[in-house]
N, C-alpha and C. Protein backbone atom coordinates (compact mmCIF):
# COMPACT_ATOMS: atom_id res chain seq x y z
N MET A 1 0.29 -14.46 -11.41
CA MET A 1 2.27 -13.44 -11.94
C MET A 1 2.19 -12.11 -10.93
N ASP A 2 3.04 -11.72 -10.25
CA ASP A 2 3.40 -11.52 -9.40
C ASP A 2 3.55 -9.55 -10.11
N SER A 3 3.12 -8.57 -9.48
CA SER A 3 3.49 -7.52 -9.62
C SER A 3 4.50 -7.35 -10.02
N ILE A 4 5.34 -6.48 -10.95
CA ILE A 4 6.91 -6.50 -10.37
C ILE A 4 7.59 -4.46 -9.56
N ASP A 5 8.53 -4.77 -8.86
CA ASP A 5 8.55 -3.93 -8.36
C ASP A 5 9.44 -2.86 -8.36
N THR A 6 8.41 -2.13 -9.15
CA THR A 6 9.36 -0.77 -9.56
C THR A 6 9.93 0.52 -8.82
N ALA A 7 9.72 0.03 -8.19
CA ALA A 7 10.87 0.99 -7.03
C ALA A 7 12.04 0.24 -6.73
N ALA A 8 11.46 -1.03 -6.65
CA ALA A 8 13.35 -1.89 -6.33
C ALA A 8 14.48 -1.99 -7.40
N LEU A 9 13.50 -1.71 -8.43
CA LEU A 9 14.46 -2.21 -10.01
C LEU A 9 14.19 -0.78 -10.13
N ARG A 10 14.18 0.63 -9.72
CA ARG A 10 14.20 2.39 -10.18
C ARG A 10 16.01 2.19 -8.94
N GLU A 11 15.82 1.40 -7.54
CA GLU A 11 16.95 1.88 -7.09
C GLU A 11 18.27 0.79 -6.83
N GLN A 12 17.65 -0.81 -7.68
CA GLN A 12 19.20 -1.60 -8.57
C GLN A 12 19.28 -0.13 -9.69
N LEU A 13 18.29 -0.26 -10.34
CA LEU A 13 19.53 0.72 -11.68
C LEU A 13 20.07 1.94 -11.58
N SER A 14 19.56 2.77 -9.74
CA SER A 14 21.24 3.35 -9.81
C SER A 14 22.40 3.12 -8.75
N ARG A 15 22.50 2.12 -8.73
CA ARG A 15 23.65 1.97 -8.17
C ARG A 15 24.57 1.34 -8.97
N THR A 16 23.42 1.09 -10.59
CA THR A 16 24.26 0.30 -11.09
C THR A 16 25.93 0.90 -12.22
N ILE A 17 26.69 1.75 -12.21
CA ILE A 17 27.30 1.75 -12.68
C ILE A 17 28.15 2.03 -13.67
N GLY A 18 27.41 2.47 -14.62
CA GLY A 18 27.25 3.44 -15.90
C GLY A 18 29.37 3.63 -16.72
N PRO A 19 28.84 4.16 -17.40
CA PRO A 19 29.84 4.83 -18.74
C PRO A 19 31.12 6.33 -18.22
N ALA A 20 32.05 6.51 -18.38
CA ALA A 20 32.57 7.90 -17.97
C ALA A 20 32.17 8.09 -19.61
N PRO A 21 31.86 9.65 -19.81
CA PRO A 21 31.90 10.20 -18.54
C PRO A 21 29.87 10.71 -18.51
N TRP A 22 29.35 10.13 -19.43
CA TRP A 22 27.67 9.83 -19.53
C TRP A 22 27.26 9.85 -17.81
N TYR A 23 28.00 8.68 -16.77
CA TYR A 23 27.18 8.22 -15.64
C TYR A 23 28.00 8.92 -14.60
N TRP A 24 28.75 9.61 -14.77
CA TRP A 24 29.94 9.60 -13.94
C TRP A 24 29.70 9.62 -12.58
N GLU A 25 28.30 9.76 -12.01
CA GLU A 25 27.75 10.34 -10.74
C GLU A 25 27.94 9.02 -10.30
N THR A 26 27.77 7.58 -11.05
CA THR A 26 27.32 6.25 -11.40
C THR A 26 29.41 5.45 -9.78
N PHE A 27 29.13 5.90 -9.60
CA PHE A 27 31.23 5.94 -10.22
C PHE A 27 30.94 5.45 -8.27
N PRO A 28 31.99 4.69 -7.87
CA PRO A 28 31.46 4.18 -6.49
C PRO A 28 33.18 5.22 -6.11
N PRO A 29 32.13 4.90 -4.99
CA PRO A 29 33.12 5.92 -3.92
C PRO A 29 34.01 5.35 -3.46
N VAL A 30 34.87 5.87 -3.28
CA VAL A 30 36.53 5.67 -2.81
C VAL A 30 37.24 5.39 -1.35
N ALA A 31 37.28 5.41 -0.71
CA ALA A 31 37.92 5.78 0.36
C ALA A 31 39.06 5.22 1.82
N PRO A 32 39.85 5.46 0.96
CA PRO A 32 41.05 4.10 1.53
C PRO A 32 41.29 3.63 3.40
N GLU A 33 41.81 3.03 3.56
CA GLU A 33 41.58 2.72 5.00
C GLU A 33 42.39 3.77 6.65
N SER A 34 43.39 4.64 5.36
CA SER A 34 43.68 5.86 6.09
C SER A 34 43.13 6.82 6.35
N GLY A 35 41.68 6.87 5.56
CA GLY A 35 40.34 7.93 6.52
C GLY A 35 40.69 8.81 5.26
N LYS A 36 41.64 9.24 4.60
CA LYS A 36 41.41 10.37 3.43
C LYS A 36 40.87 9.86 2.07
N ARG A 37 38.89 11.13 1.97
CA ARG A 37 39.12 10.15 0.84
C ARG A 37 38.32 10.80 -0.64
N PHE A 38 38.40 10.15 -1.74
CA PHE A 38 38.66 10.30 -2.40
C PHE A 38 37.76 11.12 -3.32
N VAL A 39 37.69 11.36 -4.36
CA VAL A 39 35.55 11.67 -5.14
C VAL A 39 36.34 12.32 -6.26
N TRP A 40 34.67 11.86 -7.46
CA TRP A 40 35.10 11.55 -8.76
C TRP A 40 34.64 13.13 -9.48
N THR A 41 35.00 13.09 -10.56
CA THR A 41 34.73 15.00 -10.44
C THR A 41 34.90 14.94 -11.97
N HIS A 42 33.91 15.76 -13.48
CA HIS A 42 33.14 15.10 -14.01
C HIS A 42 34.37 17.02 -15.25
N HIS A 43 35.54 17.09 -15.78
CA HIS A 43 34.96 18.02 -16.50
C HIS A 43 35.06 19.01 -17.62
N GLY A 44 34.26 18.49 -17.95
CA GLY A 44 32.37 18.98 -18.34
C GLY A 44 32.72 18.79 -20.03
N SER A 45 31.86 19.50 -20.62
CA SER A 45 32.05 18.83 -22.91
C SER A 45 32.30 20.11 -23.60
N GLN A 46 32.79 20.84 -22.43
CA GLN A 46 33.87 21.59 -22.98
C GLN A 46 35.17 21.96 -23.28
N GLY A 47 36.60 22.21 -23.94
CA GLY A 47 37.49 22.48 -23.45
C GLY A 47 38.94 21.49 -23.34
N ALA A 48 39.96 21.62 -23.29
CA ALA A 48 40.91 20.54 -23.94
C ALA A 48 40.81 19.87 -22.65
N LEU A 49 39.88 19.48 -21.60
CA LEU A 49 38.86 18.87 -20.82
C LEU A 49 37.79 17.87 -20.34
N ALA A 50 37.39 18.21 -22.01
CA ALA A 50 36.90 17.62 -22.83
C ALA A 50 36.25 16.55 -21.90
N HIS A 51 35.16 15.51 -21.40
CA HIS A 51 34.92 14.06 -21.40
C HIS A 51 35.32 13.11 -20.15
N ILE A 52 36.32 14.42 -19.41
CA ILE A 52 37.56 13.35 -18.29
C ILE A 52 36.90 13.70 -17.45
N VAL A 53 37.22 11.98 -16.58
CA VAL A 53 36.67 11.88 -15.28
C VAL A 53 37.52 11.69 -14.42
N SER A 54 37.58 12.89 -13.06
CA SER A 54 39.19 12.63 -12.66
C SER A 54 39.36 11.71 -11.27
N LEU A 55 39.35 10.55 -10.78
CA LEU A 55 39.62 11.01 -9.35
C LEU A 55 40.96 12.01 -8.46
N ALA A 56 40.02 11.96 -7.47
CA ALA A 56 41.25 13.00 -6.82
C ALA A 56 40.46 13.49 -5.14
N PRO A 57 42.02 13.47 -4.50
CA PRO A 57 41.53 13.67 -2.33
C PRO A 57 40.57 14.58 -2.13
N GLU A 58 39.63 13.98 -1.90
CA GLU A 58 38.43 15.53 -1.24
C GLU A 58 39.19 17.37 -1.21
N ASP A 59 39.74 16.41 -0.53
CA ASP A 59 41.15 17.56 0.15
C ASP A 59 41.77 18.30 -0.98
N ASP A 60 41.45 17.79 -1.91
CA ASP A 60 42.74 17.98 -2.79
C ASP A 60 42.08 18.18 -4.57
N PRO A 61 41.13 18.80 -5.24
CA PRO A 61 40.31 18.30 -6.57
C PRO A 61 41.73 18.03 -7.86
N GLU A 62 42.33 19.46 -6.90
CA GLU A 62 43.11 19.86 -8.29
C GLU A 62 44.45 19.02 -9.08
N ASN A 63 44.75 18.07 -8.65
CA ASN A 63 46.13 17.41 -7.77
C ASN A 63 45.04 15.89 -8.04
N PRO A 64 44.82 14.77 -9.35
CA PRO A 64 43.93 13.78 -9.30
C PRO A 64 45.71 13.31 -9.52
N CYS A 65 44.50 11.79 -8.75
CA CYS A 65 45.65 10.69 -8.96
C CYS A 65 45.47 9.61 -10.56
N ILE A 66 44.03 9.51 -11.20
CA ILE A 66 43.68 8.91 -11.56
C ILE A 66 42.69 9.70 -12.77
N ALA A 67 42.92 9.95 -14.26
CA ALA A 67 41.88 10.49 -15.30
C ALA A 67 41.43 8.66 -16.32
N LEU A 68 40.09 9.46 -16.06
CA LEU A 68 39.32 8.43 -17.07
C LEU A 68 39.32 8.62 -18.69
N ASN A 69 39.53 8.54 -19.69
CA ASN A 69 38.31 9.31 -21.27
C ASN A 69 37.04 8.19 -20.68
N VAL A 70 36.40 8.40 -21.82
CA VAL A 70 35.22 7.84 -21.94
C VAL A 70 35.27 6.35 -22.19
N TYR A 71 33.57 5.72 -21.96
CA TYR A 71 33.79 4.52 -21.89
C TYR A 71 34.08 3.73 -20.72
N CYS A 72 34.86 4.78 -19.61
CA CYS A 72 35.75 3.77 -18.85
C CYS A 72 34.62 3.80 -18.11
N ARG A 73 34.86 2.44 -17.00
CA ARG A 73 33.49 1.57 -15.66
C ARG A 73 34.31 1.79 -15.14
N PRO A 74 34.53 2.29 -13.03
CA PRO A 74 35.65 1.78 -12.11
C PRO A 74 34.77 1.08 -11.33
N PHE A 75 35.04 0.07 -10.74
CA PHE A 75 33.99 -0.62 -9.93
C PHE A 75 35.20 -0.64 -8.57
N PRO A 76 34.58 -1.23 -7.30
CA PRO A 76 35.60 -0.74 -6.10
C PRO A 76 35.78 -2.40 -5.69
N LEU A 77 37.55 -2.66 -4.42
CA LEU A 77 38.30 -3.13 -4.60
C LEU A 77 37.40 -2.84 -2.57
N SER A 78 38.87 -3.91 -2.30
CA SER A 78 38.91 -3.28 -0.63
C SER A 78 39.56 -2.82 -1.13
N GLY A 79 40.04 -2.87 0.71
CA GLY A 79 41.32 -1.34 0.84
C GLY A 79 41.23 -0.67 0.13
N GLY A 80 40.16 -0.16 -0.52
CA GLY A 80 40.66 1.53 -0.62
C GLY A 80 41.38 1.56 -2.35
N ARG A 81 40.98 0.64 -2.94
CA ARG A 81 41.60 1.01 -3.75
C ARG A 81 40.53 0.38 -5.11
N VAL A 82 40.66 0.85 -6.11
CA VAL A 82 39.80 0.66 -7.53
C VAL A 82 40.18 -0.03 -8.40
N GLY A 83 39.04 -0.46 -9.29
CA GLY A 83 39.17 -1.46 -10.00
C GLY A 83 38.56 -0.59 -11.65
N ILE A 84 39.14 -1.42 -12.69
CA ILE A 84 39.14 0.19 -13.78
C ILE A 84 39.01 -1.15 -14.42
N TRP A 85 37.15 -1.28 -15.58
CA TRP A 85 37.53 -1.80 -16.53
C TRP A 85 37.30 -0.94 -18.17
N CYS A 86 36.91 -1.65 -18.56
CA CYS A 86 37.47 -0.03 -20.49
C CYS A 86 37.49 -1.79 -21.72
N PRO A 87 36.52 -0.77 -22.55
CA PRO A 87 37.60 -1.56 -24.44
C PRO A 87 38.12 -0.69 -24.63
N GLU A 88 39.01 -1.45 -25.28
CA GLU A 88 40.91 -0.78 -25.74
C GLU A 88 41.21 -1.89 -27.02
N GLY A 89 40.61 -1.03 -27.91
CA GLY A 89 40.69 -2.29 -29.00
C GLY A 89 39.73 -3.26 -29.77
N LYS A 90 40.18 -4.23 -29.34
CA LYS A 90 39.79 -5.89 -29.49
C LYS A 90 39.27 -6.49 -28.31
N ASN A 91 39.76 -5.39 -27.12
CA ASN A 91 40.35 -6.46 -25.46
C ASN A 91 39.45 -5.78 -24.66
N LEU A 92 38.69 -6.22 -23.74
CA LEU A 92 38.47 -5.61 -22.52
C LEU A 92 39.82 -5.90 -22.07
N ARG A 93 39.90 -3.89 -21.53
CA ARG A 93 41.63 -3.84 -20.31
C ARG A 93 40.55 -4.16 -18.82
N PHE A 94 41.37 -3.82 -17.71
CA PHE A 94 41.11 -4.02 -16.24
C PHE A 94 42.35 -3.95 -15.14
N THR A 95 41.48 -2.84 -14.77
CA THR A 95 42.98 -2.95 -14.03
C THR A 95 42.48 -2.48 -12.96
N GLY A 96 43.85 -2.49 -11.63
CA GLY A 96 42.95 -2.27 -10.09
C GLY A 96 44.96 -0.74 -9.45
N PHE A 97 44.18 -0.01 -8.98
CA PHE A 97 45.19 0.97 -8.43
C PHE A 97 44.51 1.25 -7.04
N GLU A 98 45.28 1.74 -5.89
CA GLU A 98 45.66 1.50 -4.69
C GLU A 98 45.76 3.42 -5.33
N PRO A 99 44.24 4.45 -4.21
CA PRO A 99 44.67 5.55 -4.10
C PRO A 99 45.53 6.11 -3.79
N ALA A 100 45.50 6.20 -3.16
CA ALA A 100 45.74 6.39 -1.40
C ALA A 100 47.76 6.10 -1.77
N SER A 101 48.37 5.74 -2.47
CA SER A 101 49.68 5.06 -2.30
C SER A 101 49.97 5.93 -3.88
N MET A 102 48.46 6.64 -5.08
CA MET A 102 49.58 7.04 -6.02
C MET A 102 49.95 8.57 -6.02
N LYS A 103 50.71 8.89 -6.68
CA LYS A 103 51.55 10.45 -6.93
C LYS A 103 50.20 11.23 -8.11
N PRO A 104 49.84 12.27 -7.15
CA PRO A 104 50.01 13.41 -8.72
C PRO A 104 49.74 13.45 -9.16
N PHE A 105 48.96 14.42 -9.71
CA PHE A 105 49.95 14.73 -11.64
C PHE A 105 48.49 16.15 -11.46
N ASP A 106 49.37 17.12 -12.80
CA ASP A 106 48.48 18.38 -12.45
C ASP A 106 47.57 17.83 -14.09
N LEU A 107 46.29 19.06 -14.39
CA LEU A 107 45.30 18.35 -14.98
C LEU A 107 46.23 18.63 -15.82
N ALA A 108 46.79 20.33 -15.99
CA ALA A 108 47.64 20.69 -17.61
C ALA A 108 47.56 19.94 -17.72
N GLU A 109 49.15 19.06 -18.15
CA GLU A 109 50.03 17.68 -18.01
C GLU A 109 49.14 16.96 -19.40
N ILE A 110 47.61 16.52 -18.84
CA ILE A 110 46.89 16.31 -19.80
C ILE A 110 45.83 16.45 -20.54
N ALA A 111 45.50 17.69 -20.81
CA ALA A 111 44.67 18.63 -21.54
C ALA A 111 44.91 18.13 -23.20
N GLY A 112 43.92 17.56 -23.33
CA GLY A 112 44.53 17.51 -24.65
C GLY A 112 44.73 16.10 -25.64
N TRP A 113 45.74 15.08 -24.39
CA TRP A 113 46.12 14.57 -24.86
C TRP A 113 45.27 12.66 -24.65
N PHE A 114 43.98 12.69 -24.23
CA PHE A 114 43.25 12.14 -24.37
C PHE A 114 42.81 11.67 -26.14
N ARG A 115 42.07 12.94 -26.48
CA ARG A 115 42.28 13.28 -27.93
C ARG A 115 43.28 12.82 -28.97
N GLN A 116 44.58 12.94 -28.44
CA GLN A 116 45.50 12.29 -29.74
C GLN A 116 45.33 10.48 -29.34
N SER A 117 44.80 10.42 -28.05
CA SER A 117 45.72 8.66 -27.69
C SER A 117 44.54 7.72 -27.66
N SER A 118 44.47 6.17 -27.97
CA SER A 118 43.75 5.41 -27.90
C SER A 118 43.62 4.96 -26.26
N ASP A 119 43.90 5.60 -25.27
CA ASP A 119 44.34 5.29 -24.10
C ASP A 119 42.82 5.36 -23.19
N ARG A 120 42.57 5.40 -22.47
CA ARG A 120 41.22 5.30 -22.31
C ARG A 120 41.30 5.49 -20.54
N ILE A 121 42.52 5.12 -19.84
CA ILE A 121 43.21 5.71 -18.51
C ILE A 121 44.08 6.38 -18.61
N TYR A 122 45.37 7.46 -16.95
CA TYR A 122 45.74 8.20 -17.50
C TYR A 122 46.07 7.96 -16.13
N ALA A 123 47.52 7.55 -15.34
CA ALA A 123 47.69 7.80 -14.17
C ALA A 123 49.13 7.78 -14.30
N ALA A 124 49.96 8.63 -13.56
CA ALA A 124 51.36 8.80 -13.03
C ALA A 124 51.73 7.32 -12.42
N THR A 125 50.89 7.08 -11.92
CA THR A 125 51.66 5.32 -11.00
C THR A 125 51.56 4.39 -11.02
N GLU A 126 51.85 2.91 -11.97
CA GLU A 126 51.90 1.51 -12.24
C GLU A 126 50.32 1.22 -11.88
N PRO A 127 49.64 0.26 -12.42
CA PRO A 127 48.63 -0.06 -11.46
C PRO A 127 49.00 -1.64 -10.85
N VAL A 128 48.32 -1.78 -10.18
CA VAL A 128 48.61 -2.40 -9.24
C VAL A 128 49.13 -4.51 -9.84
N CYS A 129 47.84 -3.74 -10.51
CA CYS A 129 47.65 -4.85 -12.04
C CYS A 129 46.72 -5.06 -13.25
N ASP A 130 46.74 -5.33 -13.79
CA ASP A 130 46.43 -4.51 -15.39
C ASP A 130 46.43 -6.00 -16.34
N PHE A 131 45.41 -6.01 -16.70
CA PHE A 131 45.93 -7.44 -17.89
C PHE A 131 44.34 -7.29 -19.29
N GLU A 132 44.47 -8.22 -19.84
CA GLU A 132 42.98 -7.94 -20.76
C GLU A 132 42.97 -9.20 -21.29
N VAL A 133 41.14 -8.72 -21.75
CA VAL A 133 40.53 -9.99 -22.52
C VAL A 133 40.30 -9.79 -23.65
N ALA A 134 40.27 -10.91 -24.94
CA ALA A 134 39.57 -10.84 -26.28
C ALA A 134 38.62 -10.65 -26.06
N VAL A 135 37.91 -9.25 -26.99
CA VAL A 135 36.72 -9.46 -27.44
C VAL A 135 35.30 -10.60 -27.86
N THR A 136 36.96 -11.39 -29.49
CA THR A 136 36.71 -12.01 -29.68
C THR A 136 36.10 -13.77 -29.68
N MET A 137 36.15 -13.58 -28.52
CA MET A 137 35.88 -15.23 -27.65
C MET A 137 34.48 -15.84 -28.00
N GLU A 138 34.13 -17.28 -28.24
CA GLU A 138 33.78 -17.99 -29.26
C GLU A 138 32.75 -17.54 -28.00
N PRO A 139 31.24 -17.91 -27.97
CA PRO A 139 30.55 -18.41 -26.84
C PRO A 139 30.31 -19.44 -25.86
N GLY A 140 30.20 -19.23 -24.92
CA GLY A 140 30.25 -20.00 -23.32
C GLY A 140 31.48 -19.99 -22.58
N MET A 141 31.76 -20.67 -21.36
CA MET A 141 32.58 -20.94 -20.52
C MET A 141 33.72 -21.18 -20.88
N HIS A 142 34.83 -20.18 -20.99
CA HIS A 142 36.34 -19.92 -20.77
C HIS A 142 37.37 -19.74 -18.97
N LYS A 143 37.91 -20.31 -19.17
CA LYS A 143 39.69 -20.06 -18.38
C LYS A 143 40.04 -18.92 -18.13
N ILE A 144 39.73 -18.58 -17.71
CA ILE A 144 40.67 -17.51 -17.35
C ILE A 144 42.86 -16.77 -16.54
N GLU A 145 43.48 -16.12 -16.94
CA GLU A 145 44.49 -15.91 -15.91
C GLU A 145 43.96 -14.53 -15.34
N VAL A 146 44.36 -15.01 -13.99
CA VAL A 146 43.20 -13.57 -13.73
C VAL A 146 44.56 -13.01 -11.88
N PRO A 147 44.01 -11.53 -12.49
CA PRO A 147 45.41 -11.55 -11.35
C PRO A 147 45.09 -11.14 -9.69
N ALA A 148 46.05 -11.98 -9.05
CA ALA A 148 45.87 -12.03 -7.72
C ALA A 148 44.46 -11.03 -6.62
N GLU A 149 44.72 -9.62 -7.42
CA GLU A 149 44.65 -8.44 -6.33
C GLU A 149 42.76 -8.52 -7.02
N LEU A 150 42.38 -9.34 -8.35
CA LEU A 150 41.41 -8.90 -8.88
C LEU A 150 39.88 -10.40 -8.49
N ARG A 151 41.58 -11.29 -7.84
CA ARG A 151 39.96 -12.25 -7.77
C ARG A 151 38.91 -12.13 -6.06
N GLU A 152 39.21 -11.15 -5.52
CA GLU A 152 37.82 -10.95 -4.45
C GLU A 152 36.41 -11.03 -5.05
N ILE A 153 36.53 -10.63 -6.67
CA ILE A 153 35.30 -10.08 -7.17
C ILE A 153 35.20 -10.96 -7.69
N ASP A 154 33.41 -11.60 -7.13
CA ASP A 154 32.89 -13.01 -7.77
C ASP A 154 32.38 -12.29 -8.79
N GLU A 155 31.43 -11.94 -9.46
CA GLU A 155 31.06 -11.70 -10.58
C GLU A 155 30.83 -10.03 -11.68
N LEU A 156 31.20 -9.90 -12.27
CA LEU A 156 31.71 -8.34 -13.51
C LEU A 156 30.79 -8.33 -14.47
N ILE A 157 30.02 -7.94 -14.57
CA ILE A 157 28.70 -8.41 -16.03
C ILE A 157 29.40 -6.29 -16.63
N VAL A 158 29.75 -7.24 -17.90
CA VAL A 158 30.36 -5.68 -18.20
C VAL A 158 30.47 -6.65 -19.98
N PRO A 159 29.34 -5.66 -20.29
CA PRO A 159 28.67 -5.00 -21.35
C PRO A 159 29.56 -5.40 -23.17
N THR A 160 28.86 -5.86 -23.86
CA THR A 160 30.12 -4.78 -24.70
C THR A 160 29.59 -4.91 -26.62
N THR A 161 30.01 -4.51 -27.31
CA THR A 161 30.25 -4.70 -28.93
C THR A 161 30.60 -6.21 -28.69
N TYR A 162 29.82 -7.29 -30.14
CA TYR A 162 30.51 -7.88 -30.50
C TYR A 162 31.24 -8.55 -32.13
N ARG A 163 32.13 -9.08 -32.32
CA ARG A 163 31.45 -9.04 -33.88
C ARG A 163 30.39 -10.00 -34.64
N ALA A 164 29.85 -9.01 -35.27
CA ALA A 164 28.37 -10.06 -36.19
C ALA A 164 29.34 -9.95 -37.40
N LEU A 165 28.85 -11.03 -37.71
CA LEU A 165 29.71 -10.97 -39.50
C LEU A 165 28.82 -11.13 -39.92
N SER A 166 27.64 -11.09 -40.22
CA SER A 166 26.46 -10.28 -40.62
C SER A 166 25.74 -9.07 -40.40
N ASN A 167 24.90 -8.53 -40.09
CA ASN A 167 24.04 -7.77 -40.29
C ASN A 167 23.57 -8.88 -39.65
N ASP A 168 22.55 -9.78 -39.46
CA ASP A 168 21.46 -10.64 -38.56
C ASP A 168 22.43 -11.78 -37.49
N ASP A 169 23.58 -11.81 -37.67
CA ASP A 169 24.71 -12.34 -35.94
C ASP A 169 24.16 -11.44 -35.35
N PRO A 170 25.00 -11.58 -33.74
CA PRO A 170 24.57 -10.14 -32.03
C PRO A 170 25.76 -9.07 -32.59
N ALA A 171 25.50 -7.82 -32.29
CA ALA A 171 26.55 -7.05 -32.54
C ALA A 171 26.32 -6.39 -31.13
N MET A 172 26.22 -7.45 -30.41
CA MET A 172 26.31 -7.06 -28.66
C MET A 172 26.35 -8.43 -27.80
N ALA A 173 27.44 -8.65 -26.91
CA ALA A 173 27.79 -9.84 -25.29
C ALA A 173 27.78 -9.14 -24.22
N LEU A 174 27.16 -9.99 -23.54
CA LEU A 174 27.71 -10.21 -21.77
C LEU A 174 28.74 -11.30 -21.31
N PHE A 175 29.81 -10.29 -21.31
CA PHE A 175 30.96 -10.32 -20.66
C PHE A 175 30.82 -10.98 -19.32
N VAL A 176 30.35 -12.68 -18.76
CA VAL A 176 30.72 -12.09 -17.56
C VAL A 176 31.56 -12.57 -16.28
N PHE A 177 32.35 -12.48 -16.44
CA PHE A 177 33.30 -12.55 -15.28
C PHE A 177 33.50 -13.35 -13.81
N TYR A 178 33.56 -14.45 -13.61
CA TYR A 178 34.12 -14.62 -12.76
C TYR A 178 35.36 -14.66 -12.48
N PHE A 179 35.79 -13.57 -11.50
CA PHE A 179 37.05 -13.94 -10.83
C PHE A 179 37.77 -14.55 -10.23
N GLN A 180 36.79 -14.45 -8.66
CA GLN A 180 36.97 -15.08 -8.09
C GLN A 180 37.66 -16.90 -8.26
N ALA A 181 36.83 -17.42 -9.68
CA ALA A 181 36.87 -18.78 -9.93
C ALA A 181 37.94 -18.43 -11.31
N GLY A 182 38.36 -17.36 -11.99
CA GLY A 182 39.64 -18.08 -13.24
C GLY A 182 38.37 -17.73 -14.05
N LEU A 183 37.37 -17.92 -14.42
CA LEU A 183 36.38 -17.90 -15.58
C LEU A 183 35.53 -16.98 -16.41
N VAL A 184 35.43 -16.95 -17.45
CA VAL A 184 34.64 -15.69 -18.19
C VAL A 184 33.13 -15.99 -19.07
N GLU A 185 32.07 -16.14 -18.98
CA GLU A 185 31.25 -16.53 -18.92
C GLU A 185 30.48 -15.57 -20.69
N VAL A 186 30.72 -16.30 -22.01
CA VAL A 186 30.33 -14.41 -23.22
C VAL A 186 28.48 -15.25 -23.34
N LEU A 187 28.30 -14.69 -23.66
CA LEU A 187 26.33 -14.49 -23.64
C LEU A 187 26.52 -13.53 -24.88
N PRO A 188 25.94 -13.92 -25.65
CA PRO A 188 25.89 -12.64 -27.51
C PRO A 188 24.23 -12.62 -27.46
N GLN A 189 23.33 -11.15 -27.81
CA GLN A 189 23.44 -11.18 -27.23
C GLN A 189 22.11 -11.03 -28.69
N ARG A 190 21.51 -11.79 -29.12
CA ARG A 190 20.47 -12.54 -30.39
C ARG A 190 19.68 -10.89 -30.64
N TRP A 191 19.40 -10.63 -29.83
CA TRP A 191 18.51 -9.03 -29.70
C TRP A 191 18.73 -7.79 -30.92
N PHE A 192 20.22 -7.63 -30.33
CA PHE A 192 21.07 -6.91 -31.29
C PHE A 192 22.38 -7.19 -31.70
N THR A 193 21.39 -6.69 -32.99
CA THR A 193 21.96 -7.36 -34.47
C THR A 193 22.55 -6.75 -35.12
N ALA A 194 23.68 -6.36 -36.75
CA ALA A 194 23.84 -4.89 -37.31
C ALA A 194 22.33 -4.13 -38.12
N ALA A 195 21.67 -5.54 -37.99
CA ALA A 195 20.27 -4.62 -38.14
C ALA A 195 19.07 -4.63 -37.84
N GLN A 196 19.12 -5.14 -36.54
CA GLN A 196 17.58 -4.62 -35.67
C GLN A 196 17.94 -4.93 -34.20
N TYR A 197 17.93 -3.78 -33.47
CA TYR A 197 18.15 -3.60 -32.26
C TYR A 197 17.27 -2.62 -31.22
């Protein structure tokens, strides 16, 4: 049996995007073709902007174009665009934004807003795409309608909670999205149950 290359595994894990705000430093760089760079900023764990992560031009960090609440995960799209997925109710939400053409907003506008809202994403500009998939899908492969803006993504693995009908049913599933093919595969994780994980 071959030995495991732990250095390679650590490198791969370091590139894995985790949820906001805890893993905000793993978020992908955003560099539109215009050359203007955007940076992610975590606004701390105290105060009116607690747990918010924002995306703003590198030269104007006080005027972001996107703010993310907890559990959001951005992913890179071509042309300096950014996709974001997050759980929303009984759905997984996928959006796409083009930061270079977005209207900025003042952080004071959203101070405390996420605490009173079930929304996970705030922007003053509409996304270029936005769709949802129910987390109540049965195990197996399913056909889905994917917006054209996301079809460049070959595979996106989304870990999420899953409906467990008993203490021994899976409480977590991997939703493997094959956006190019318009498919999602639901893989319940039987090792993660309400009774034992």
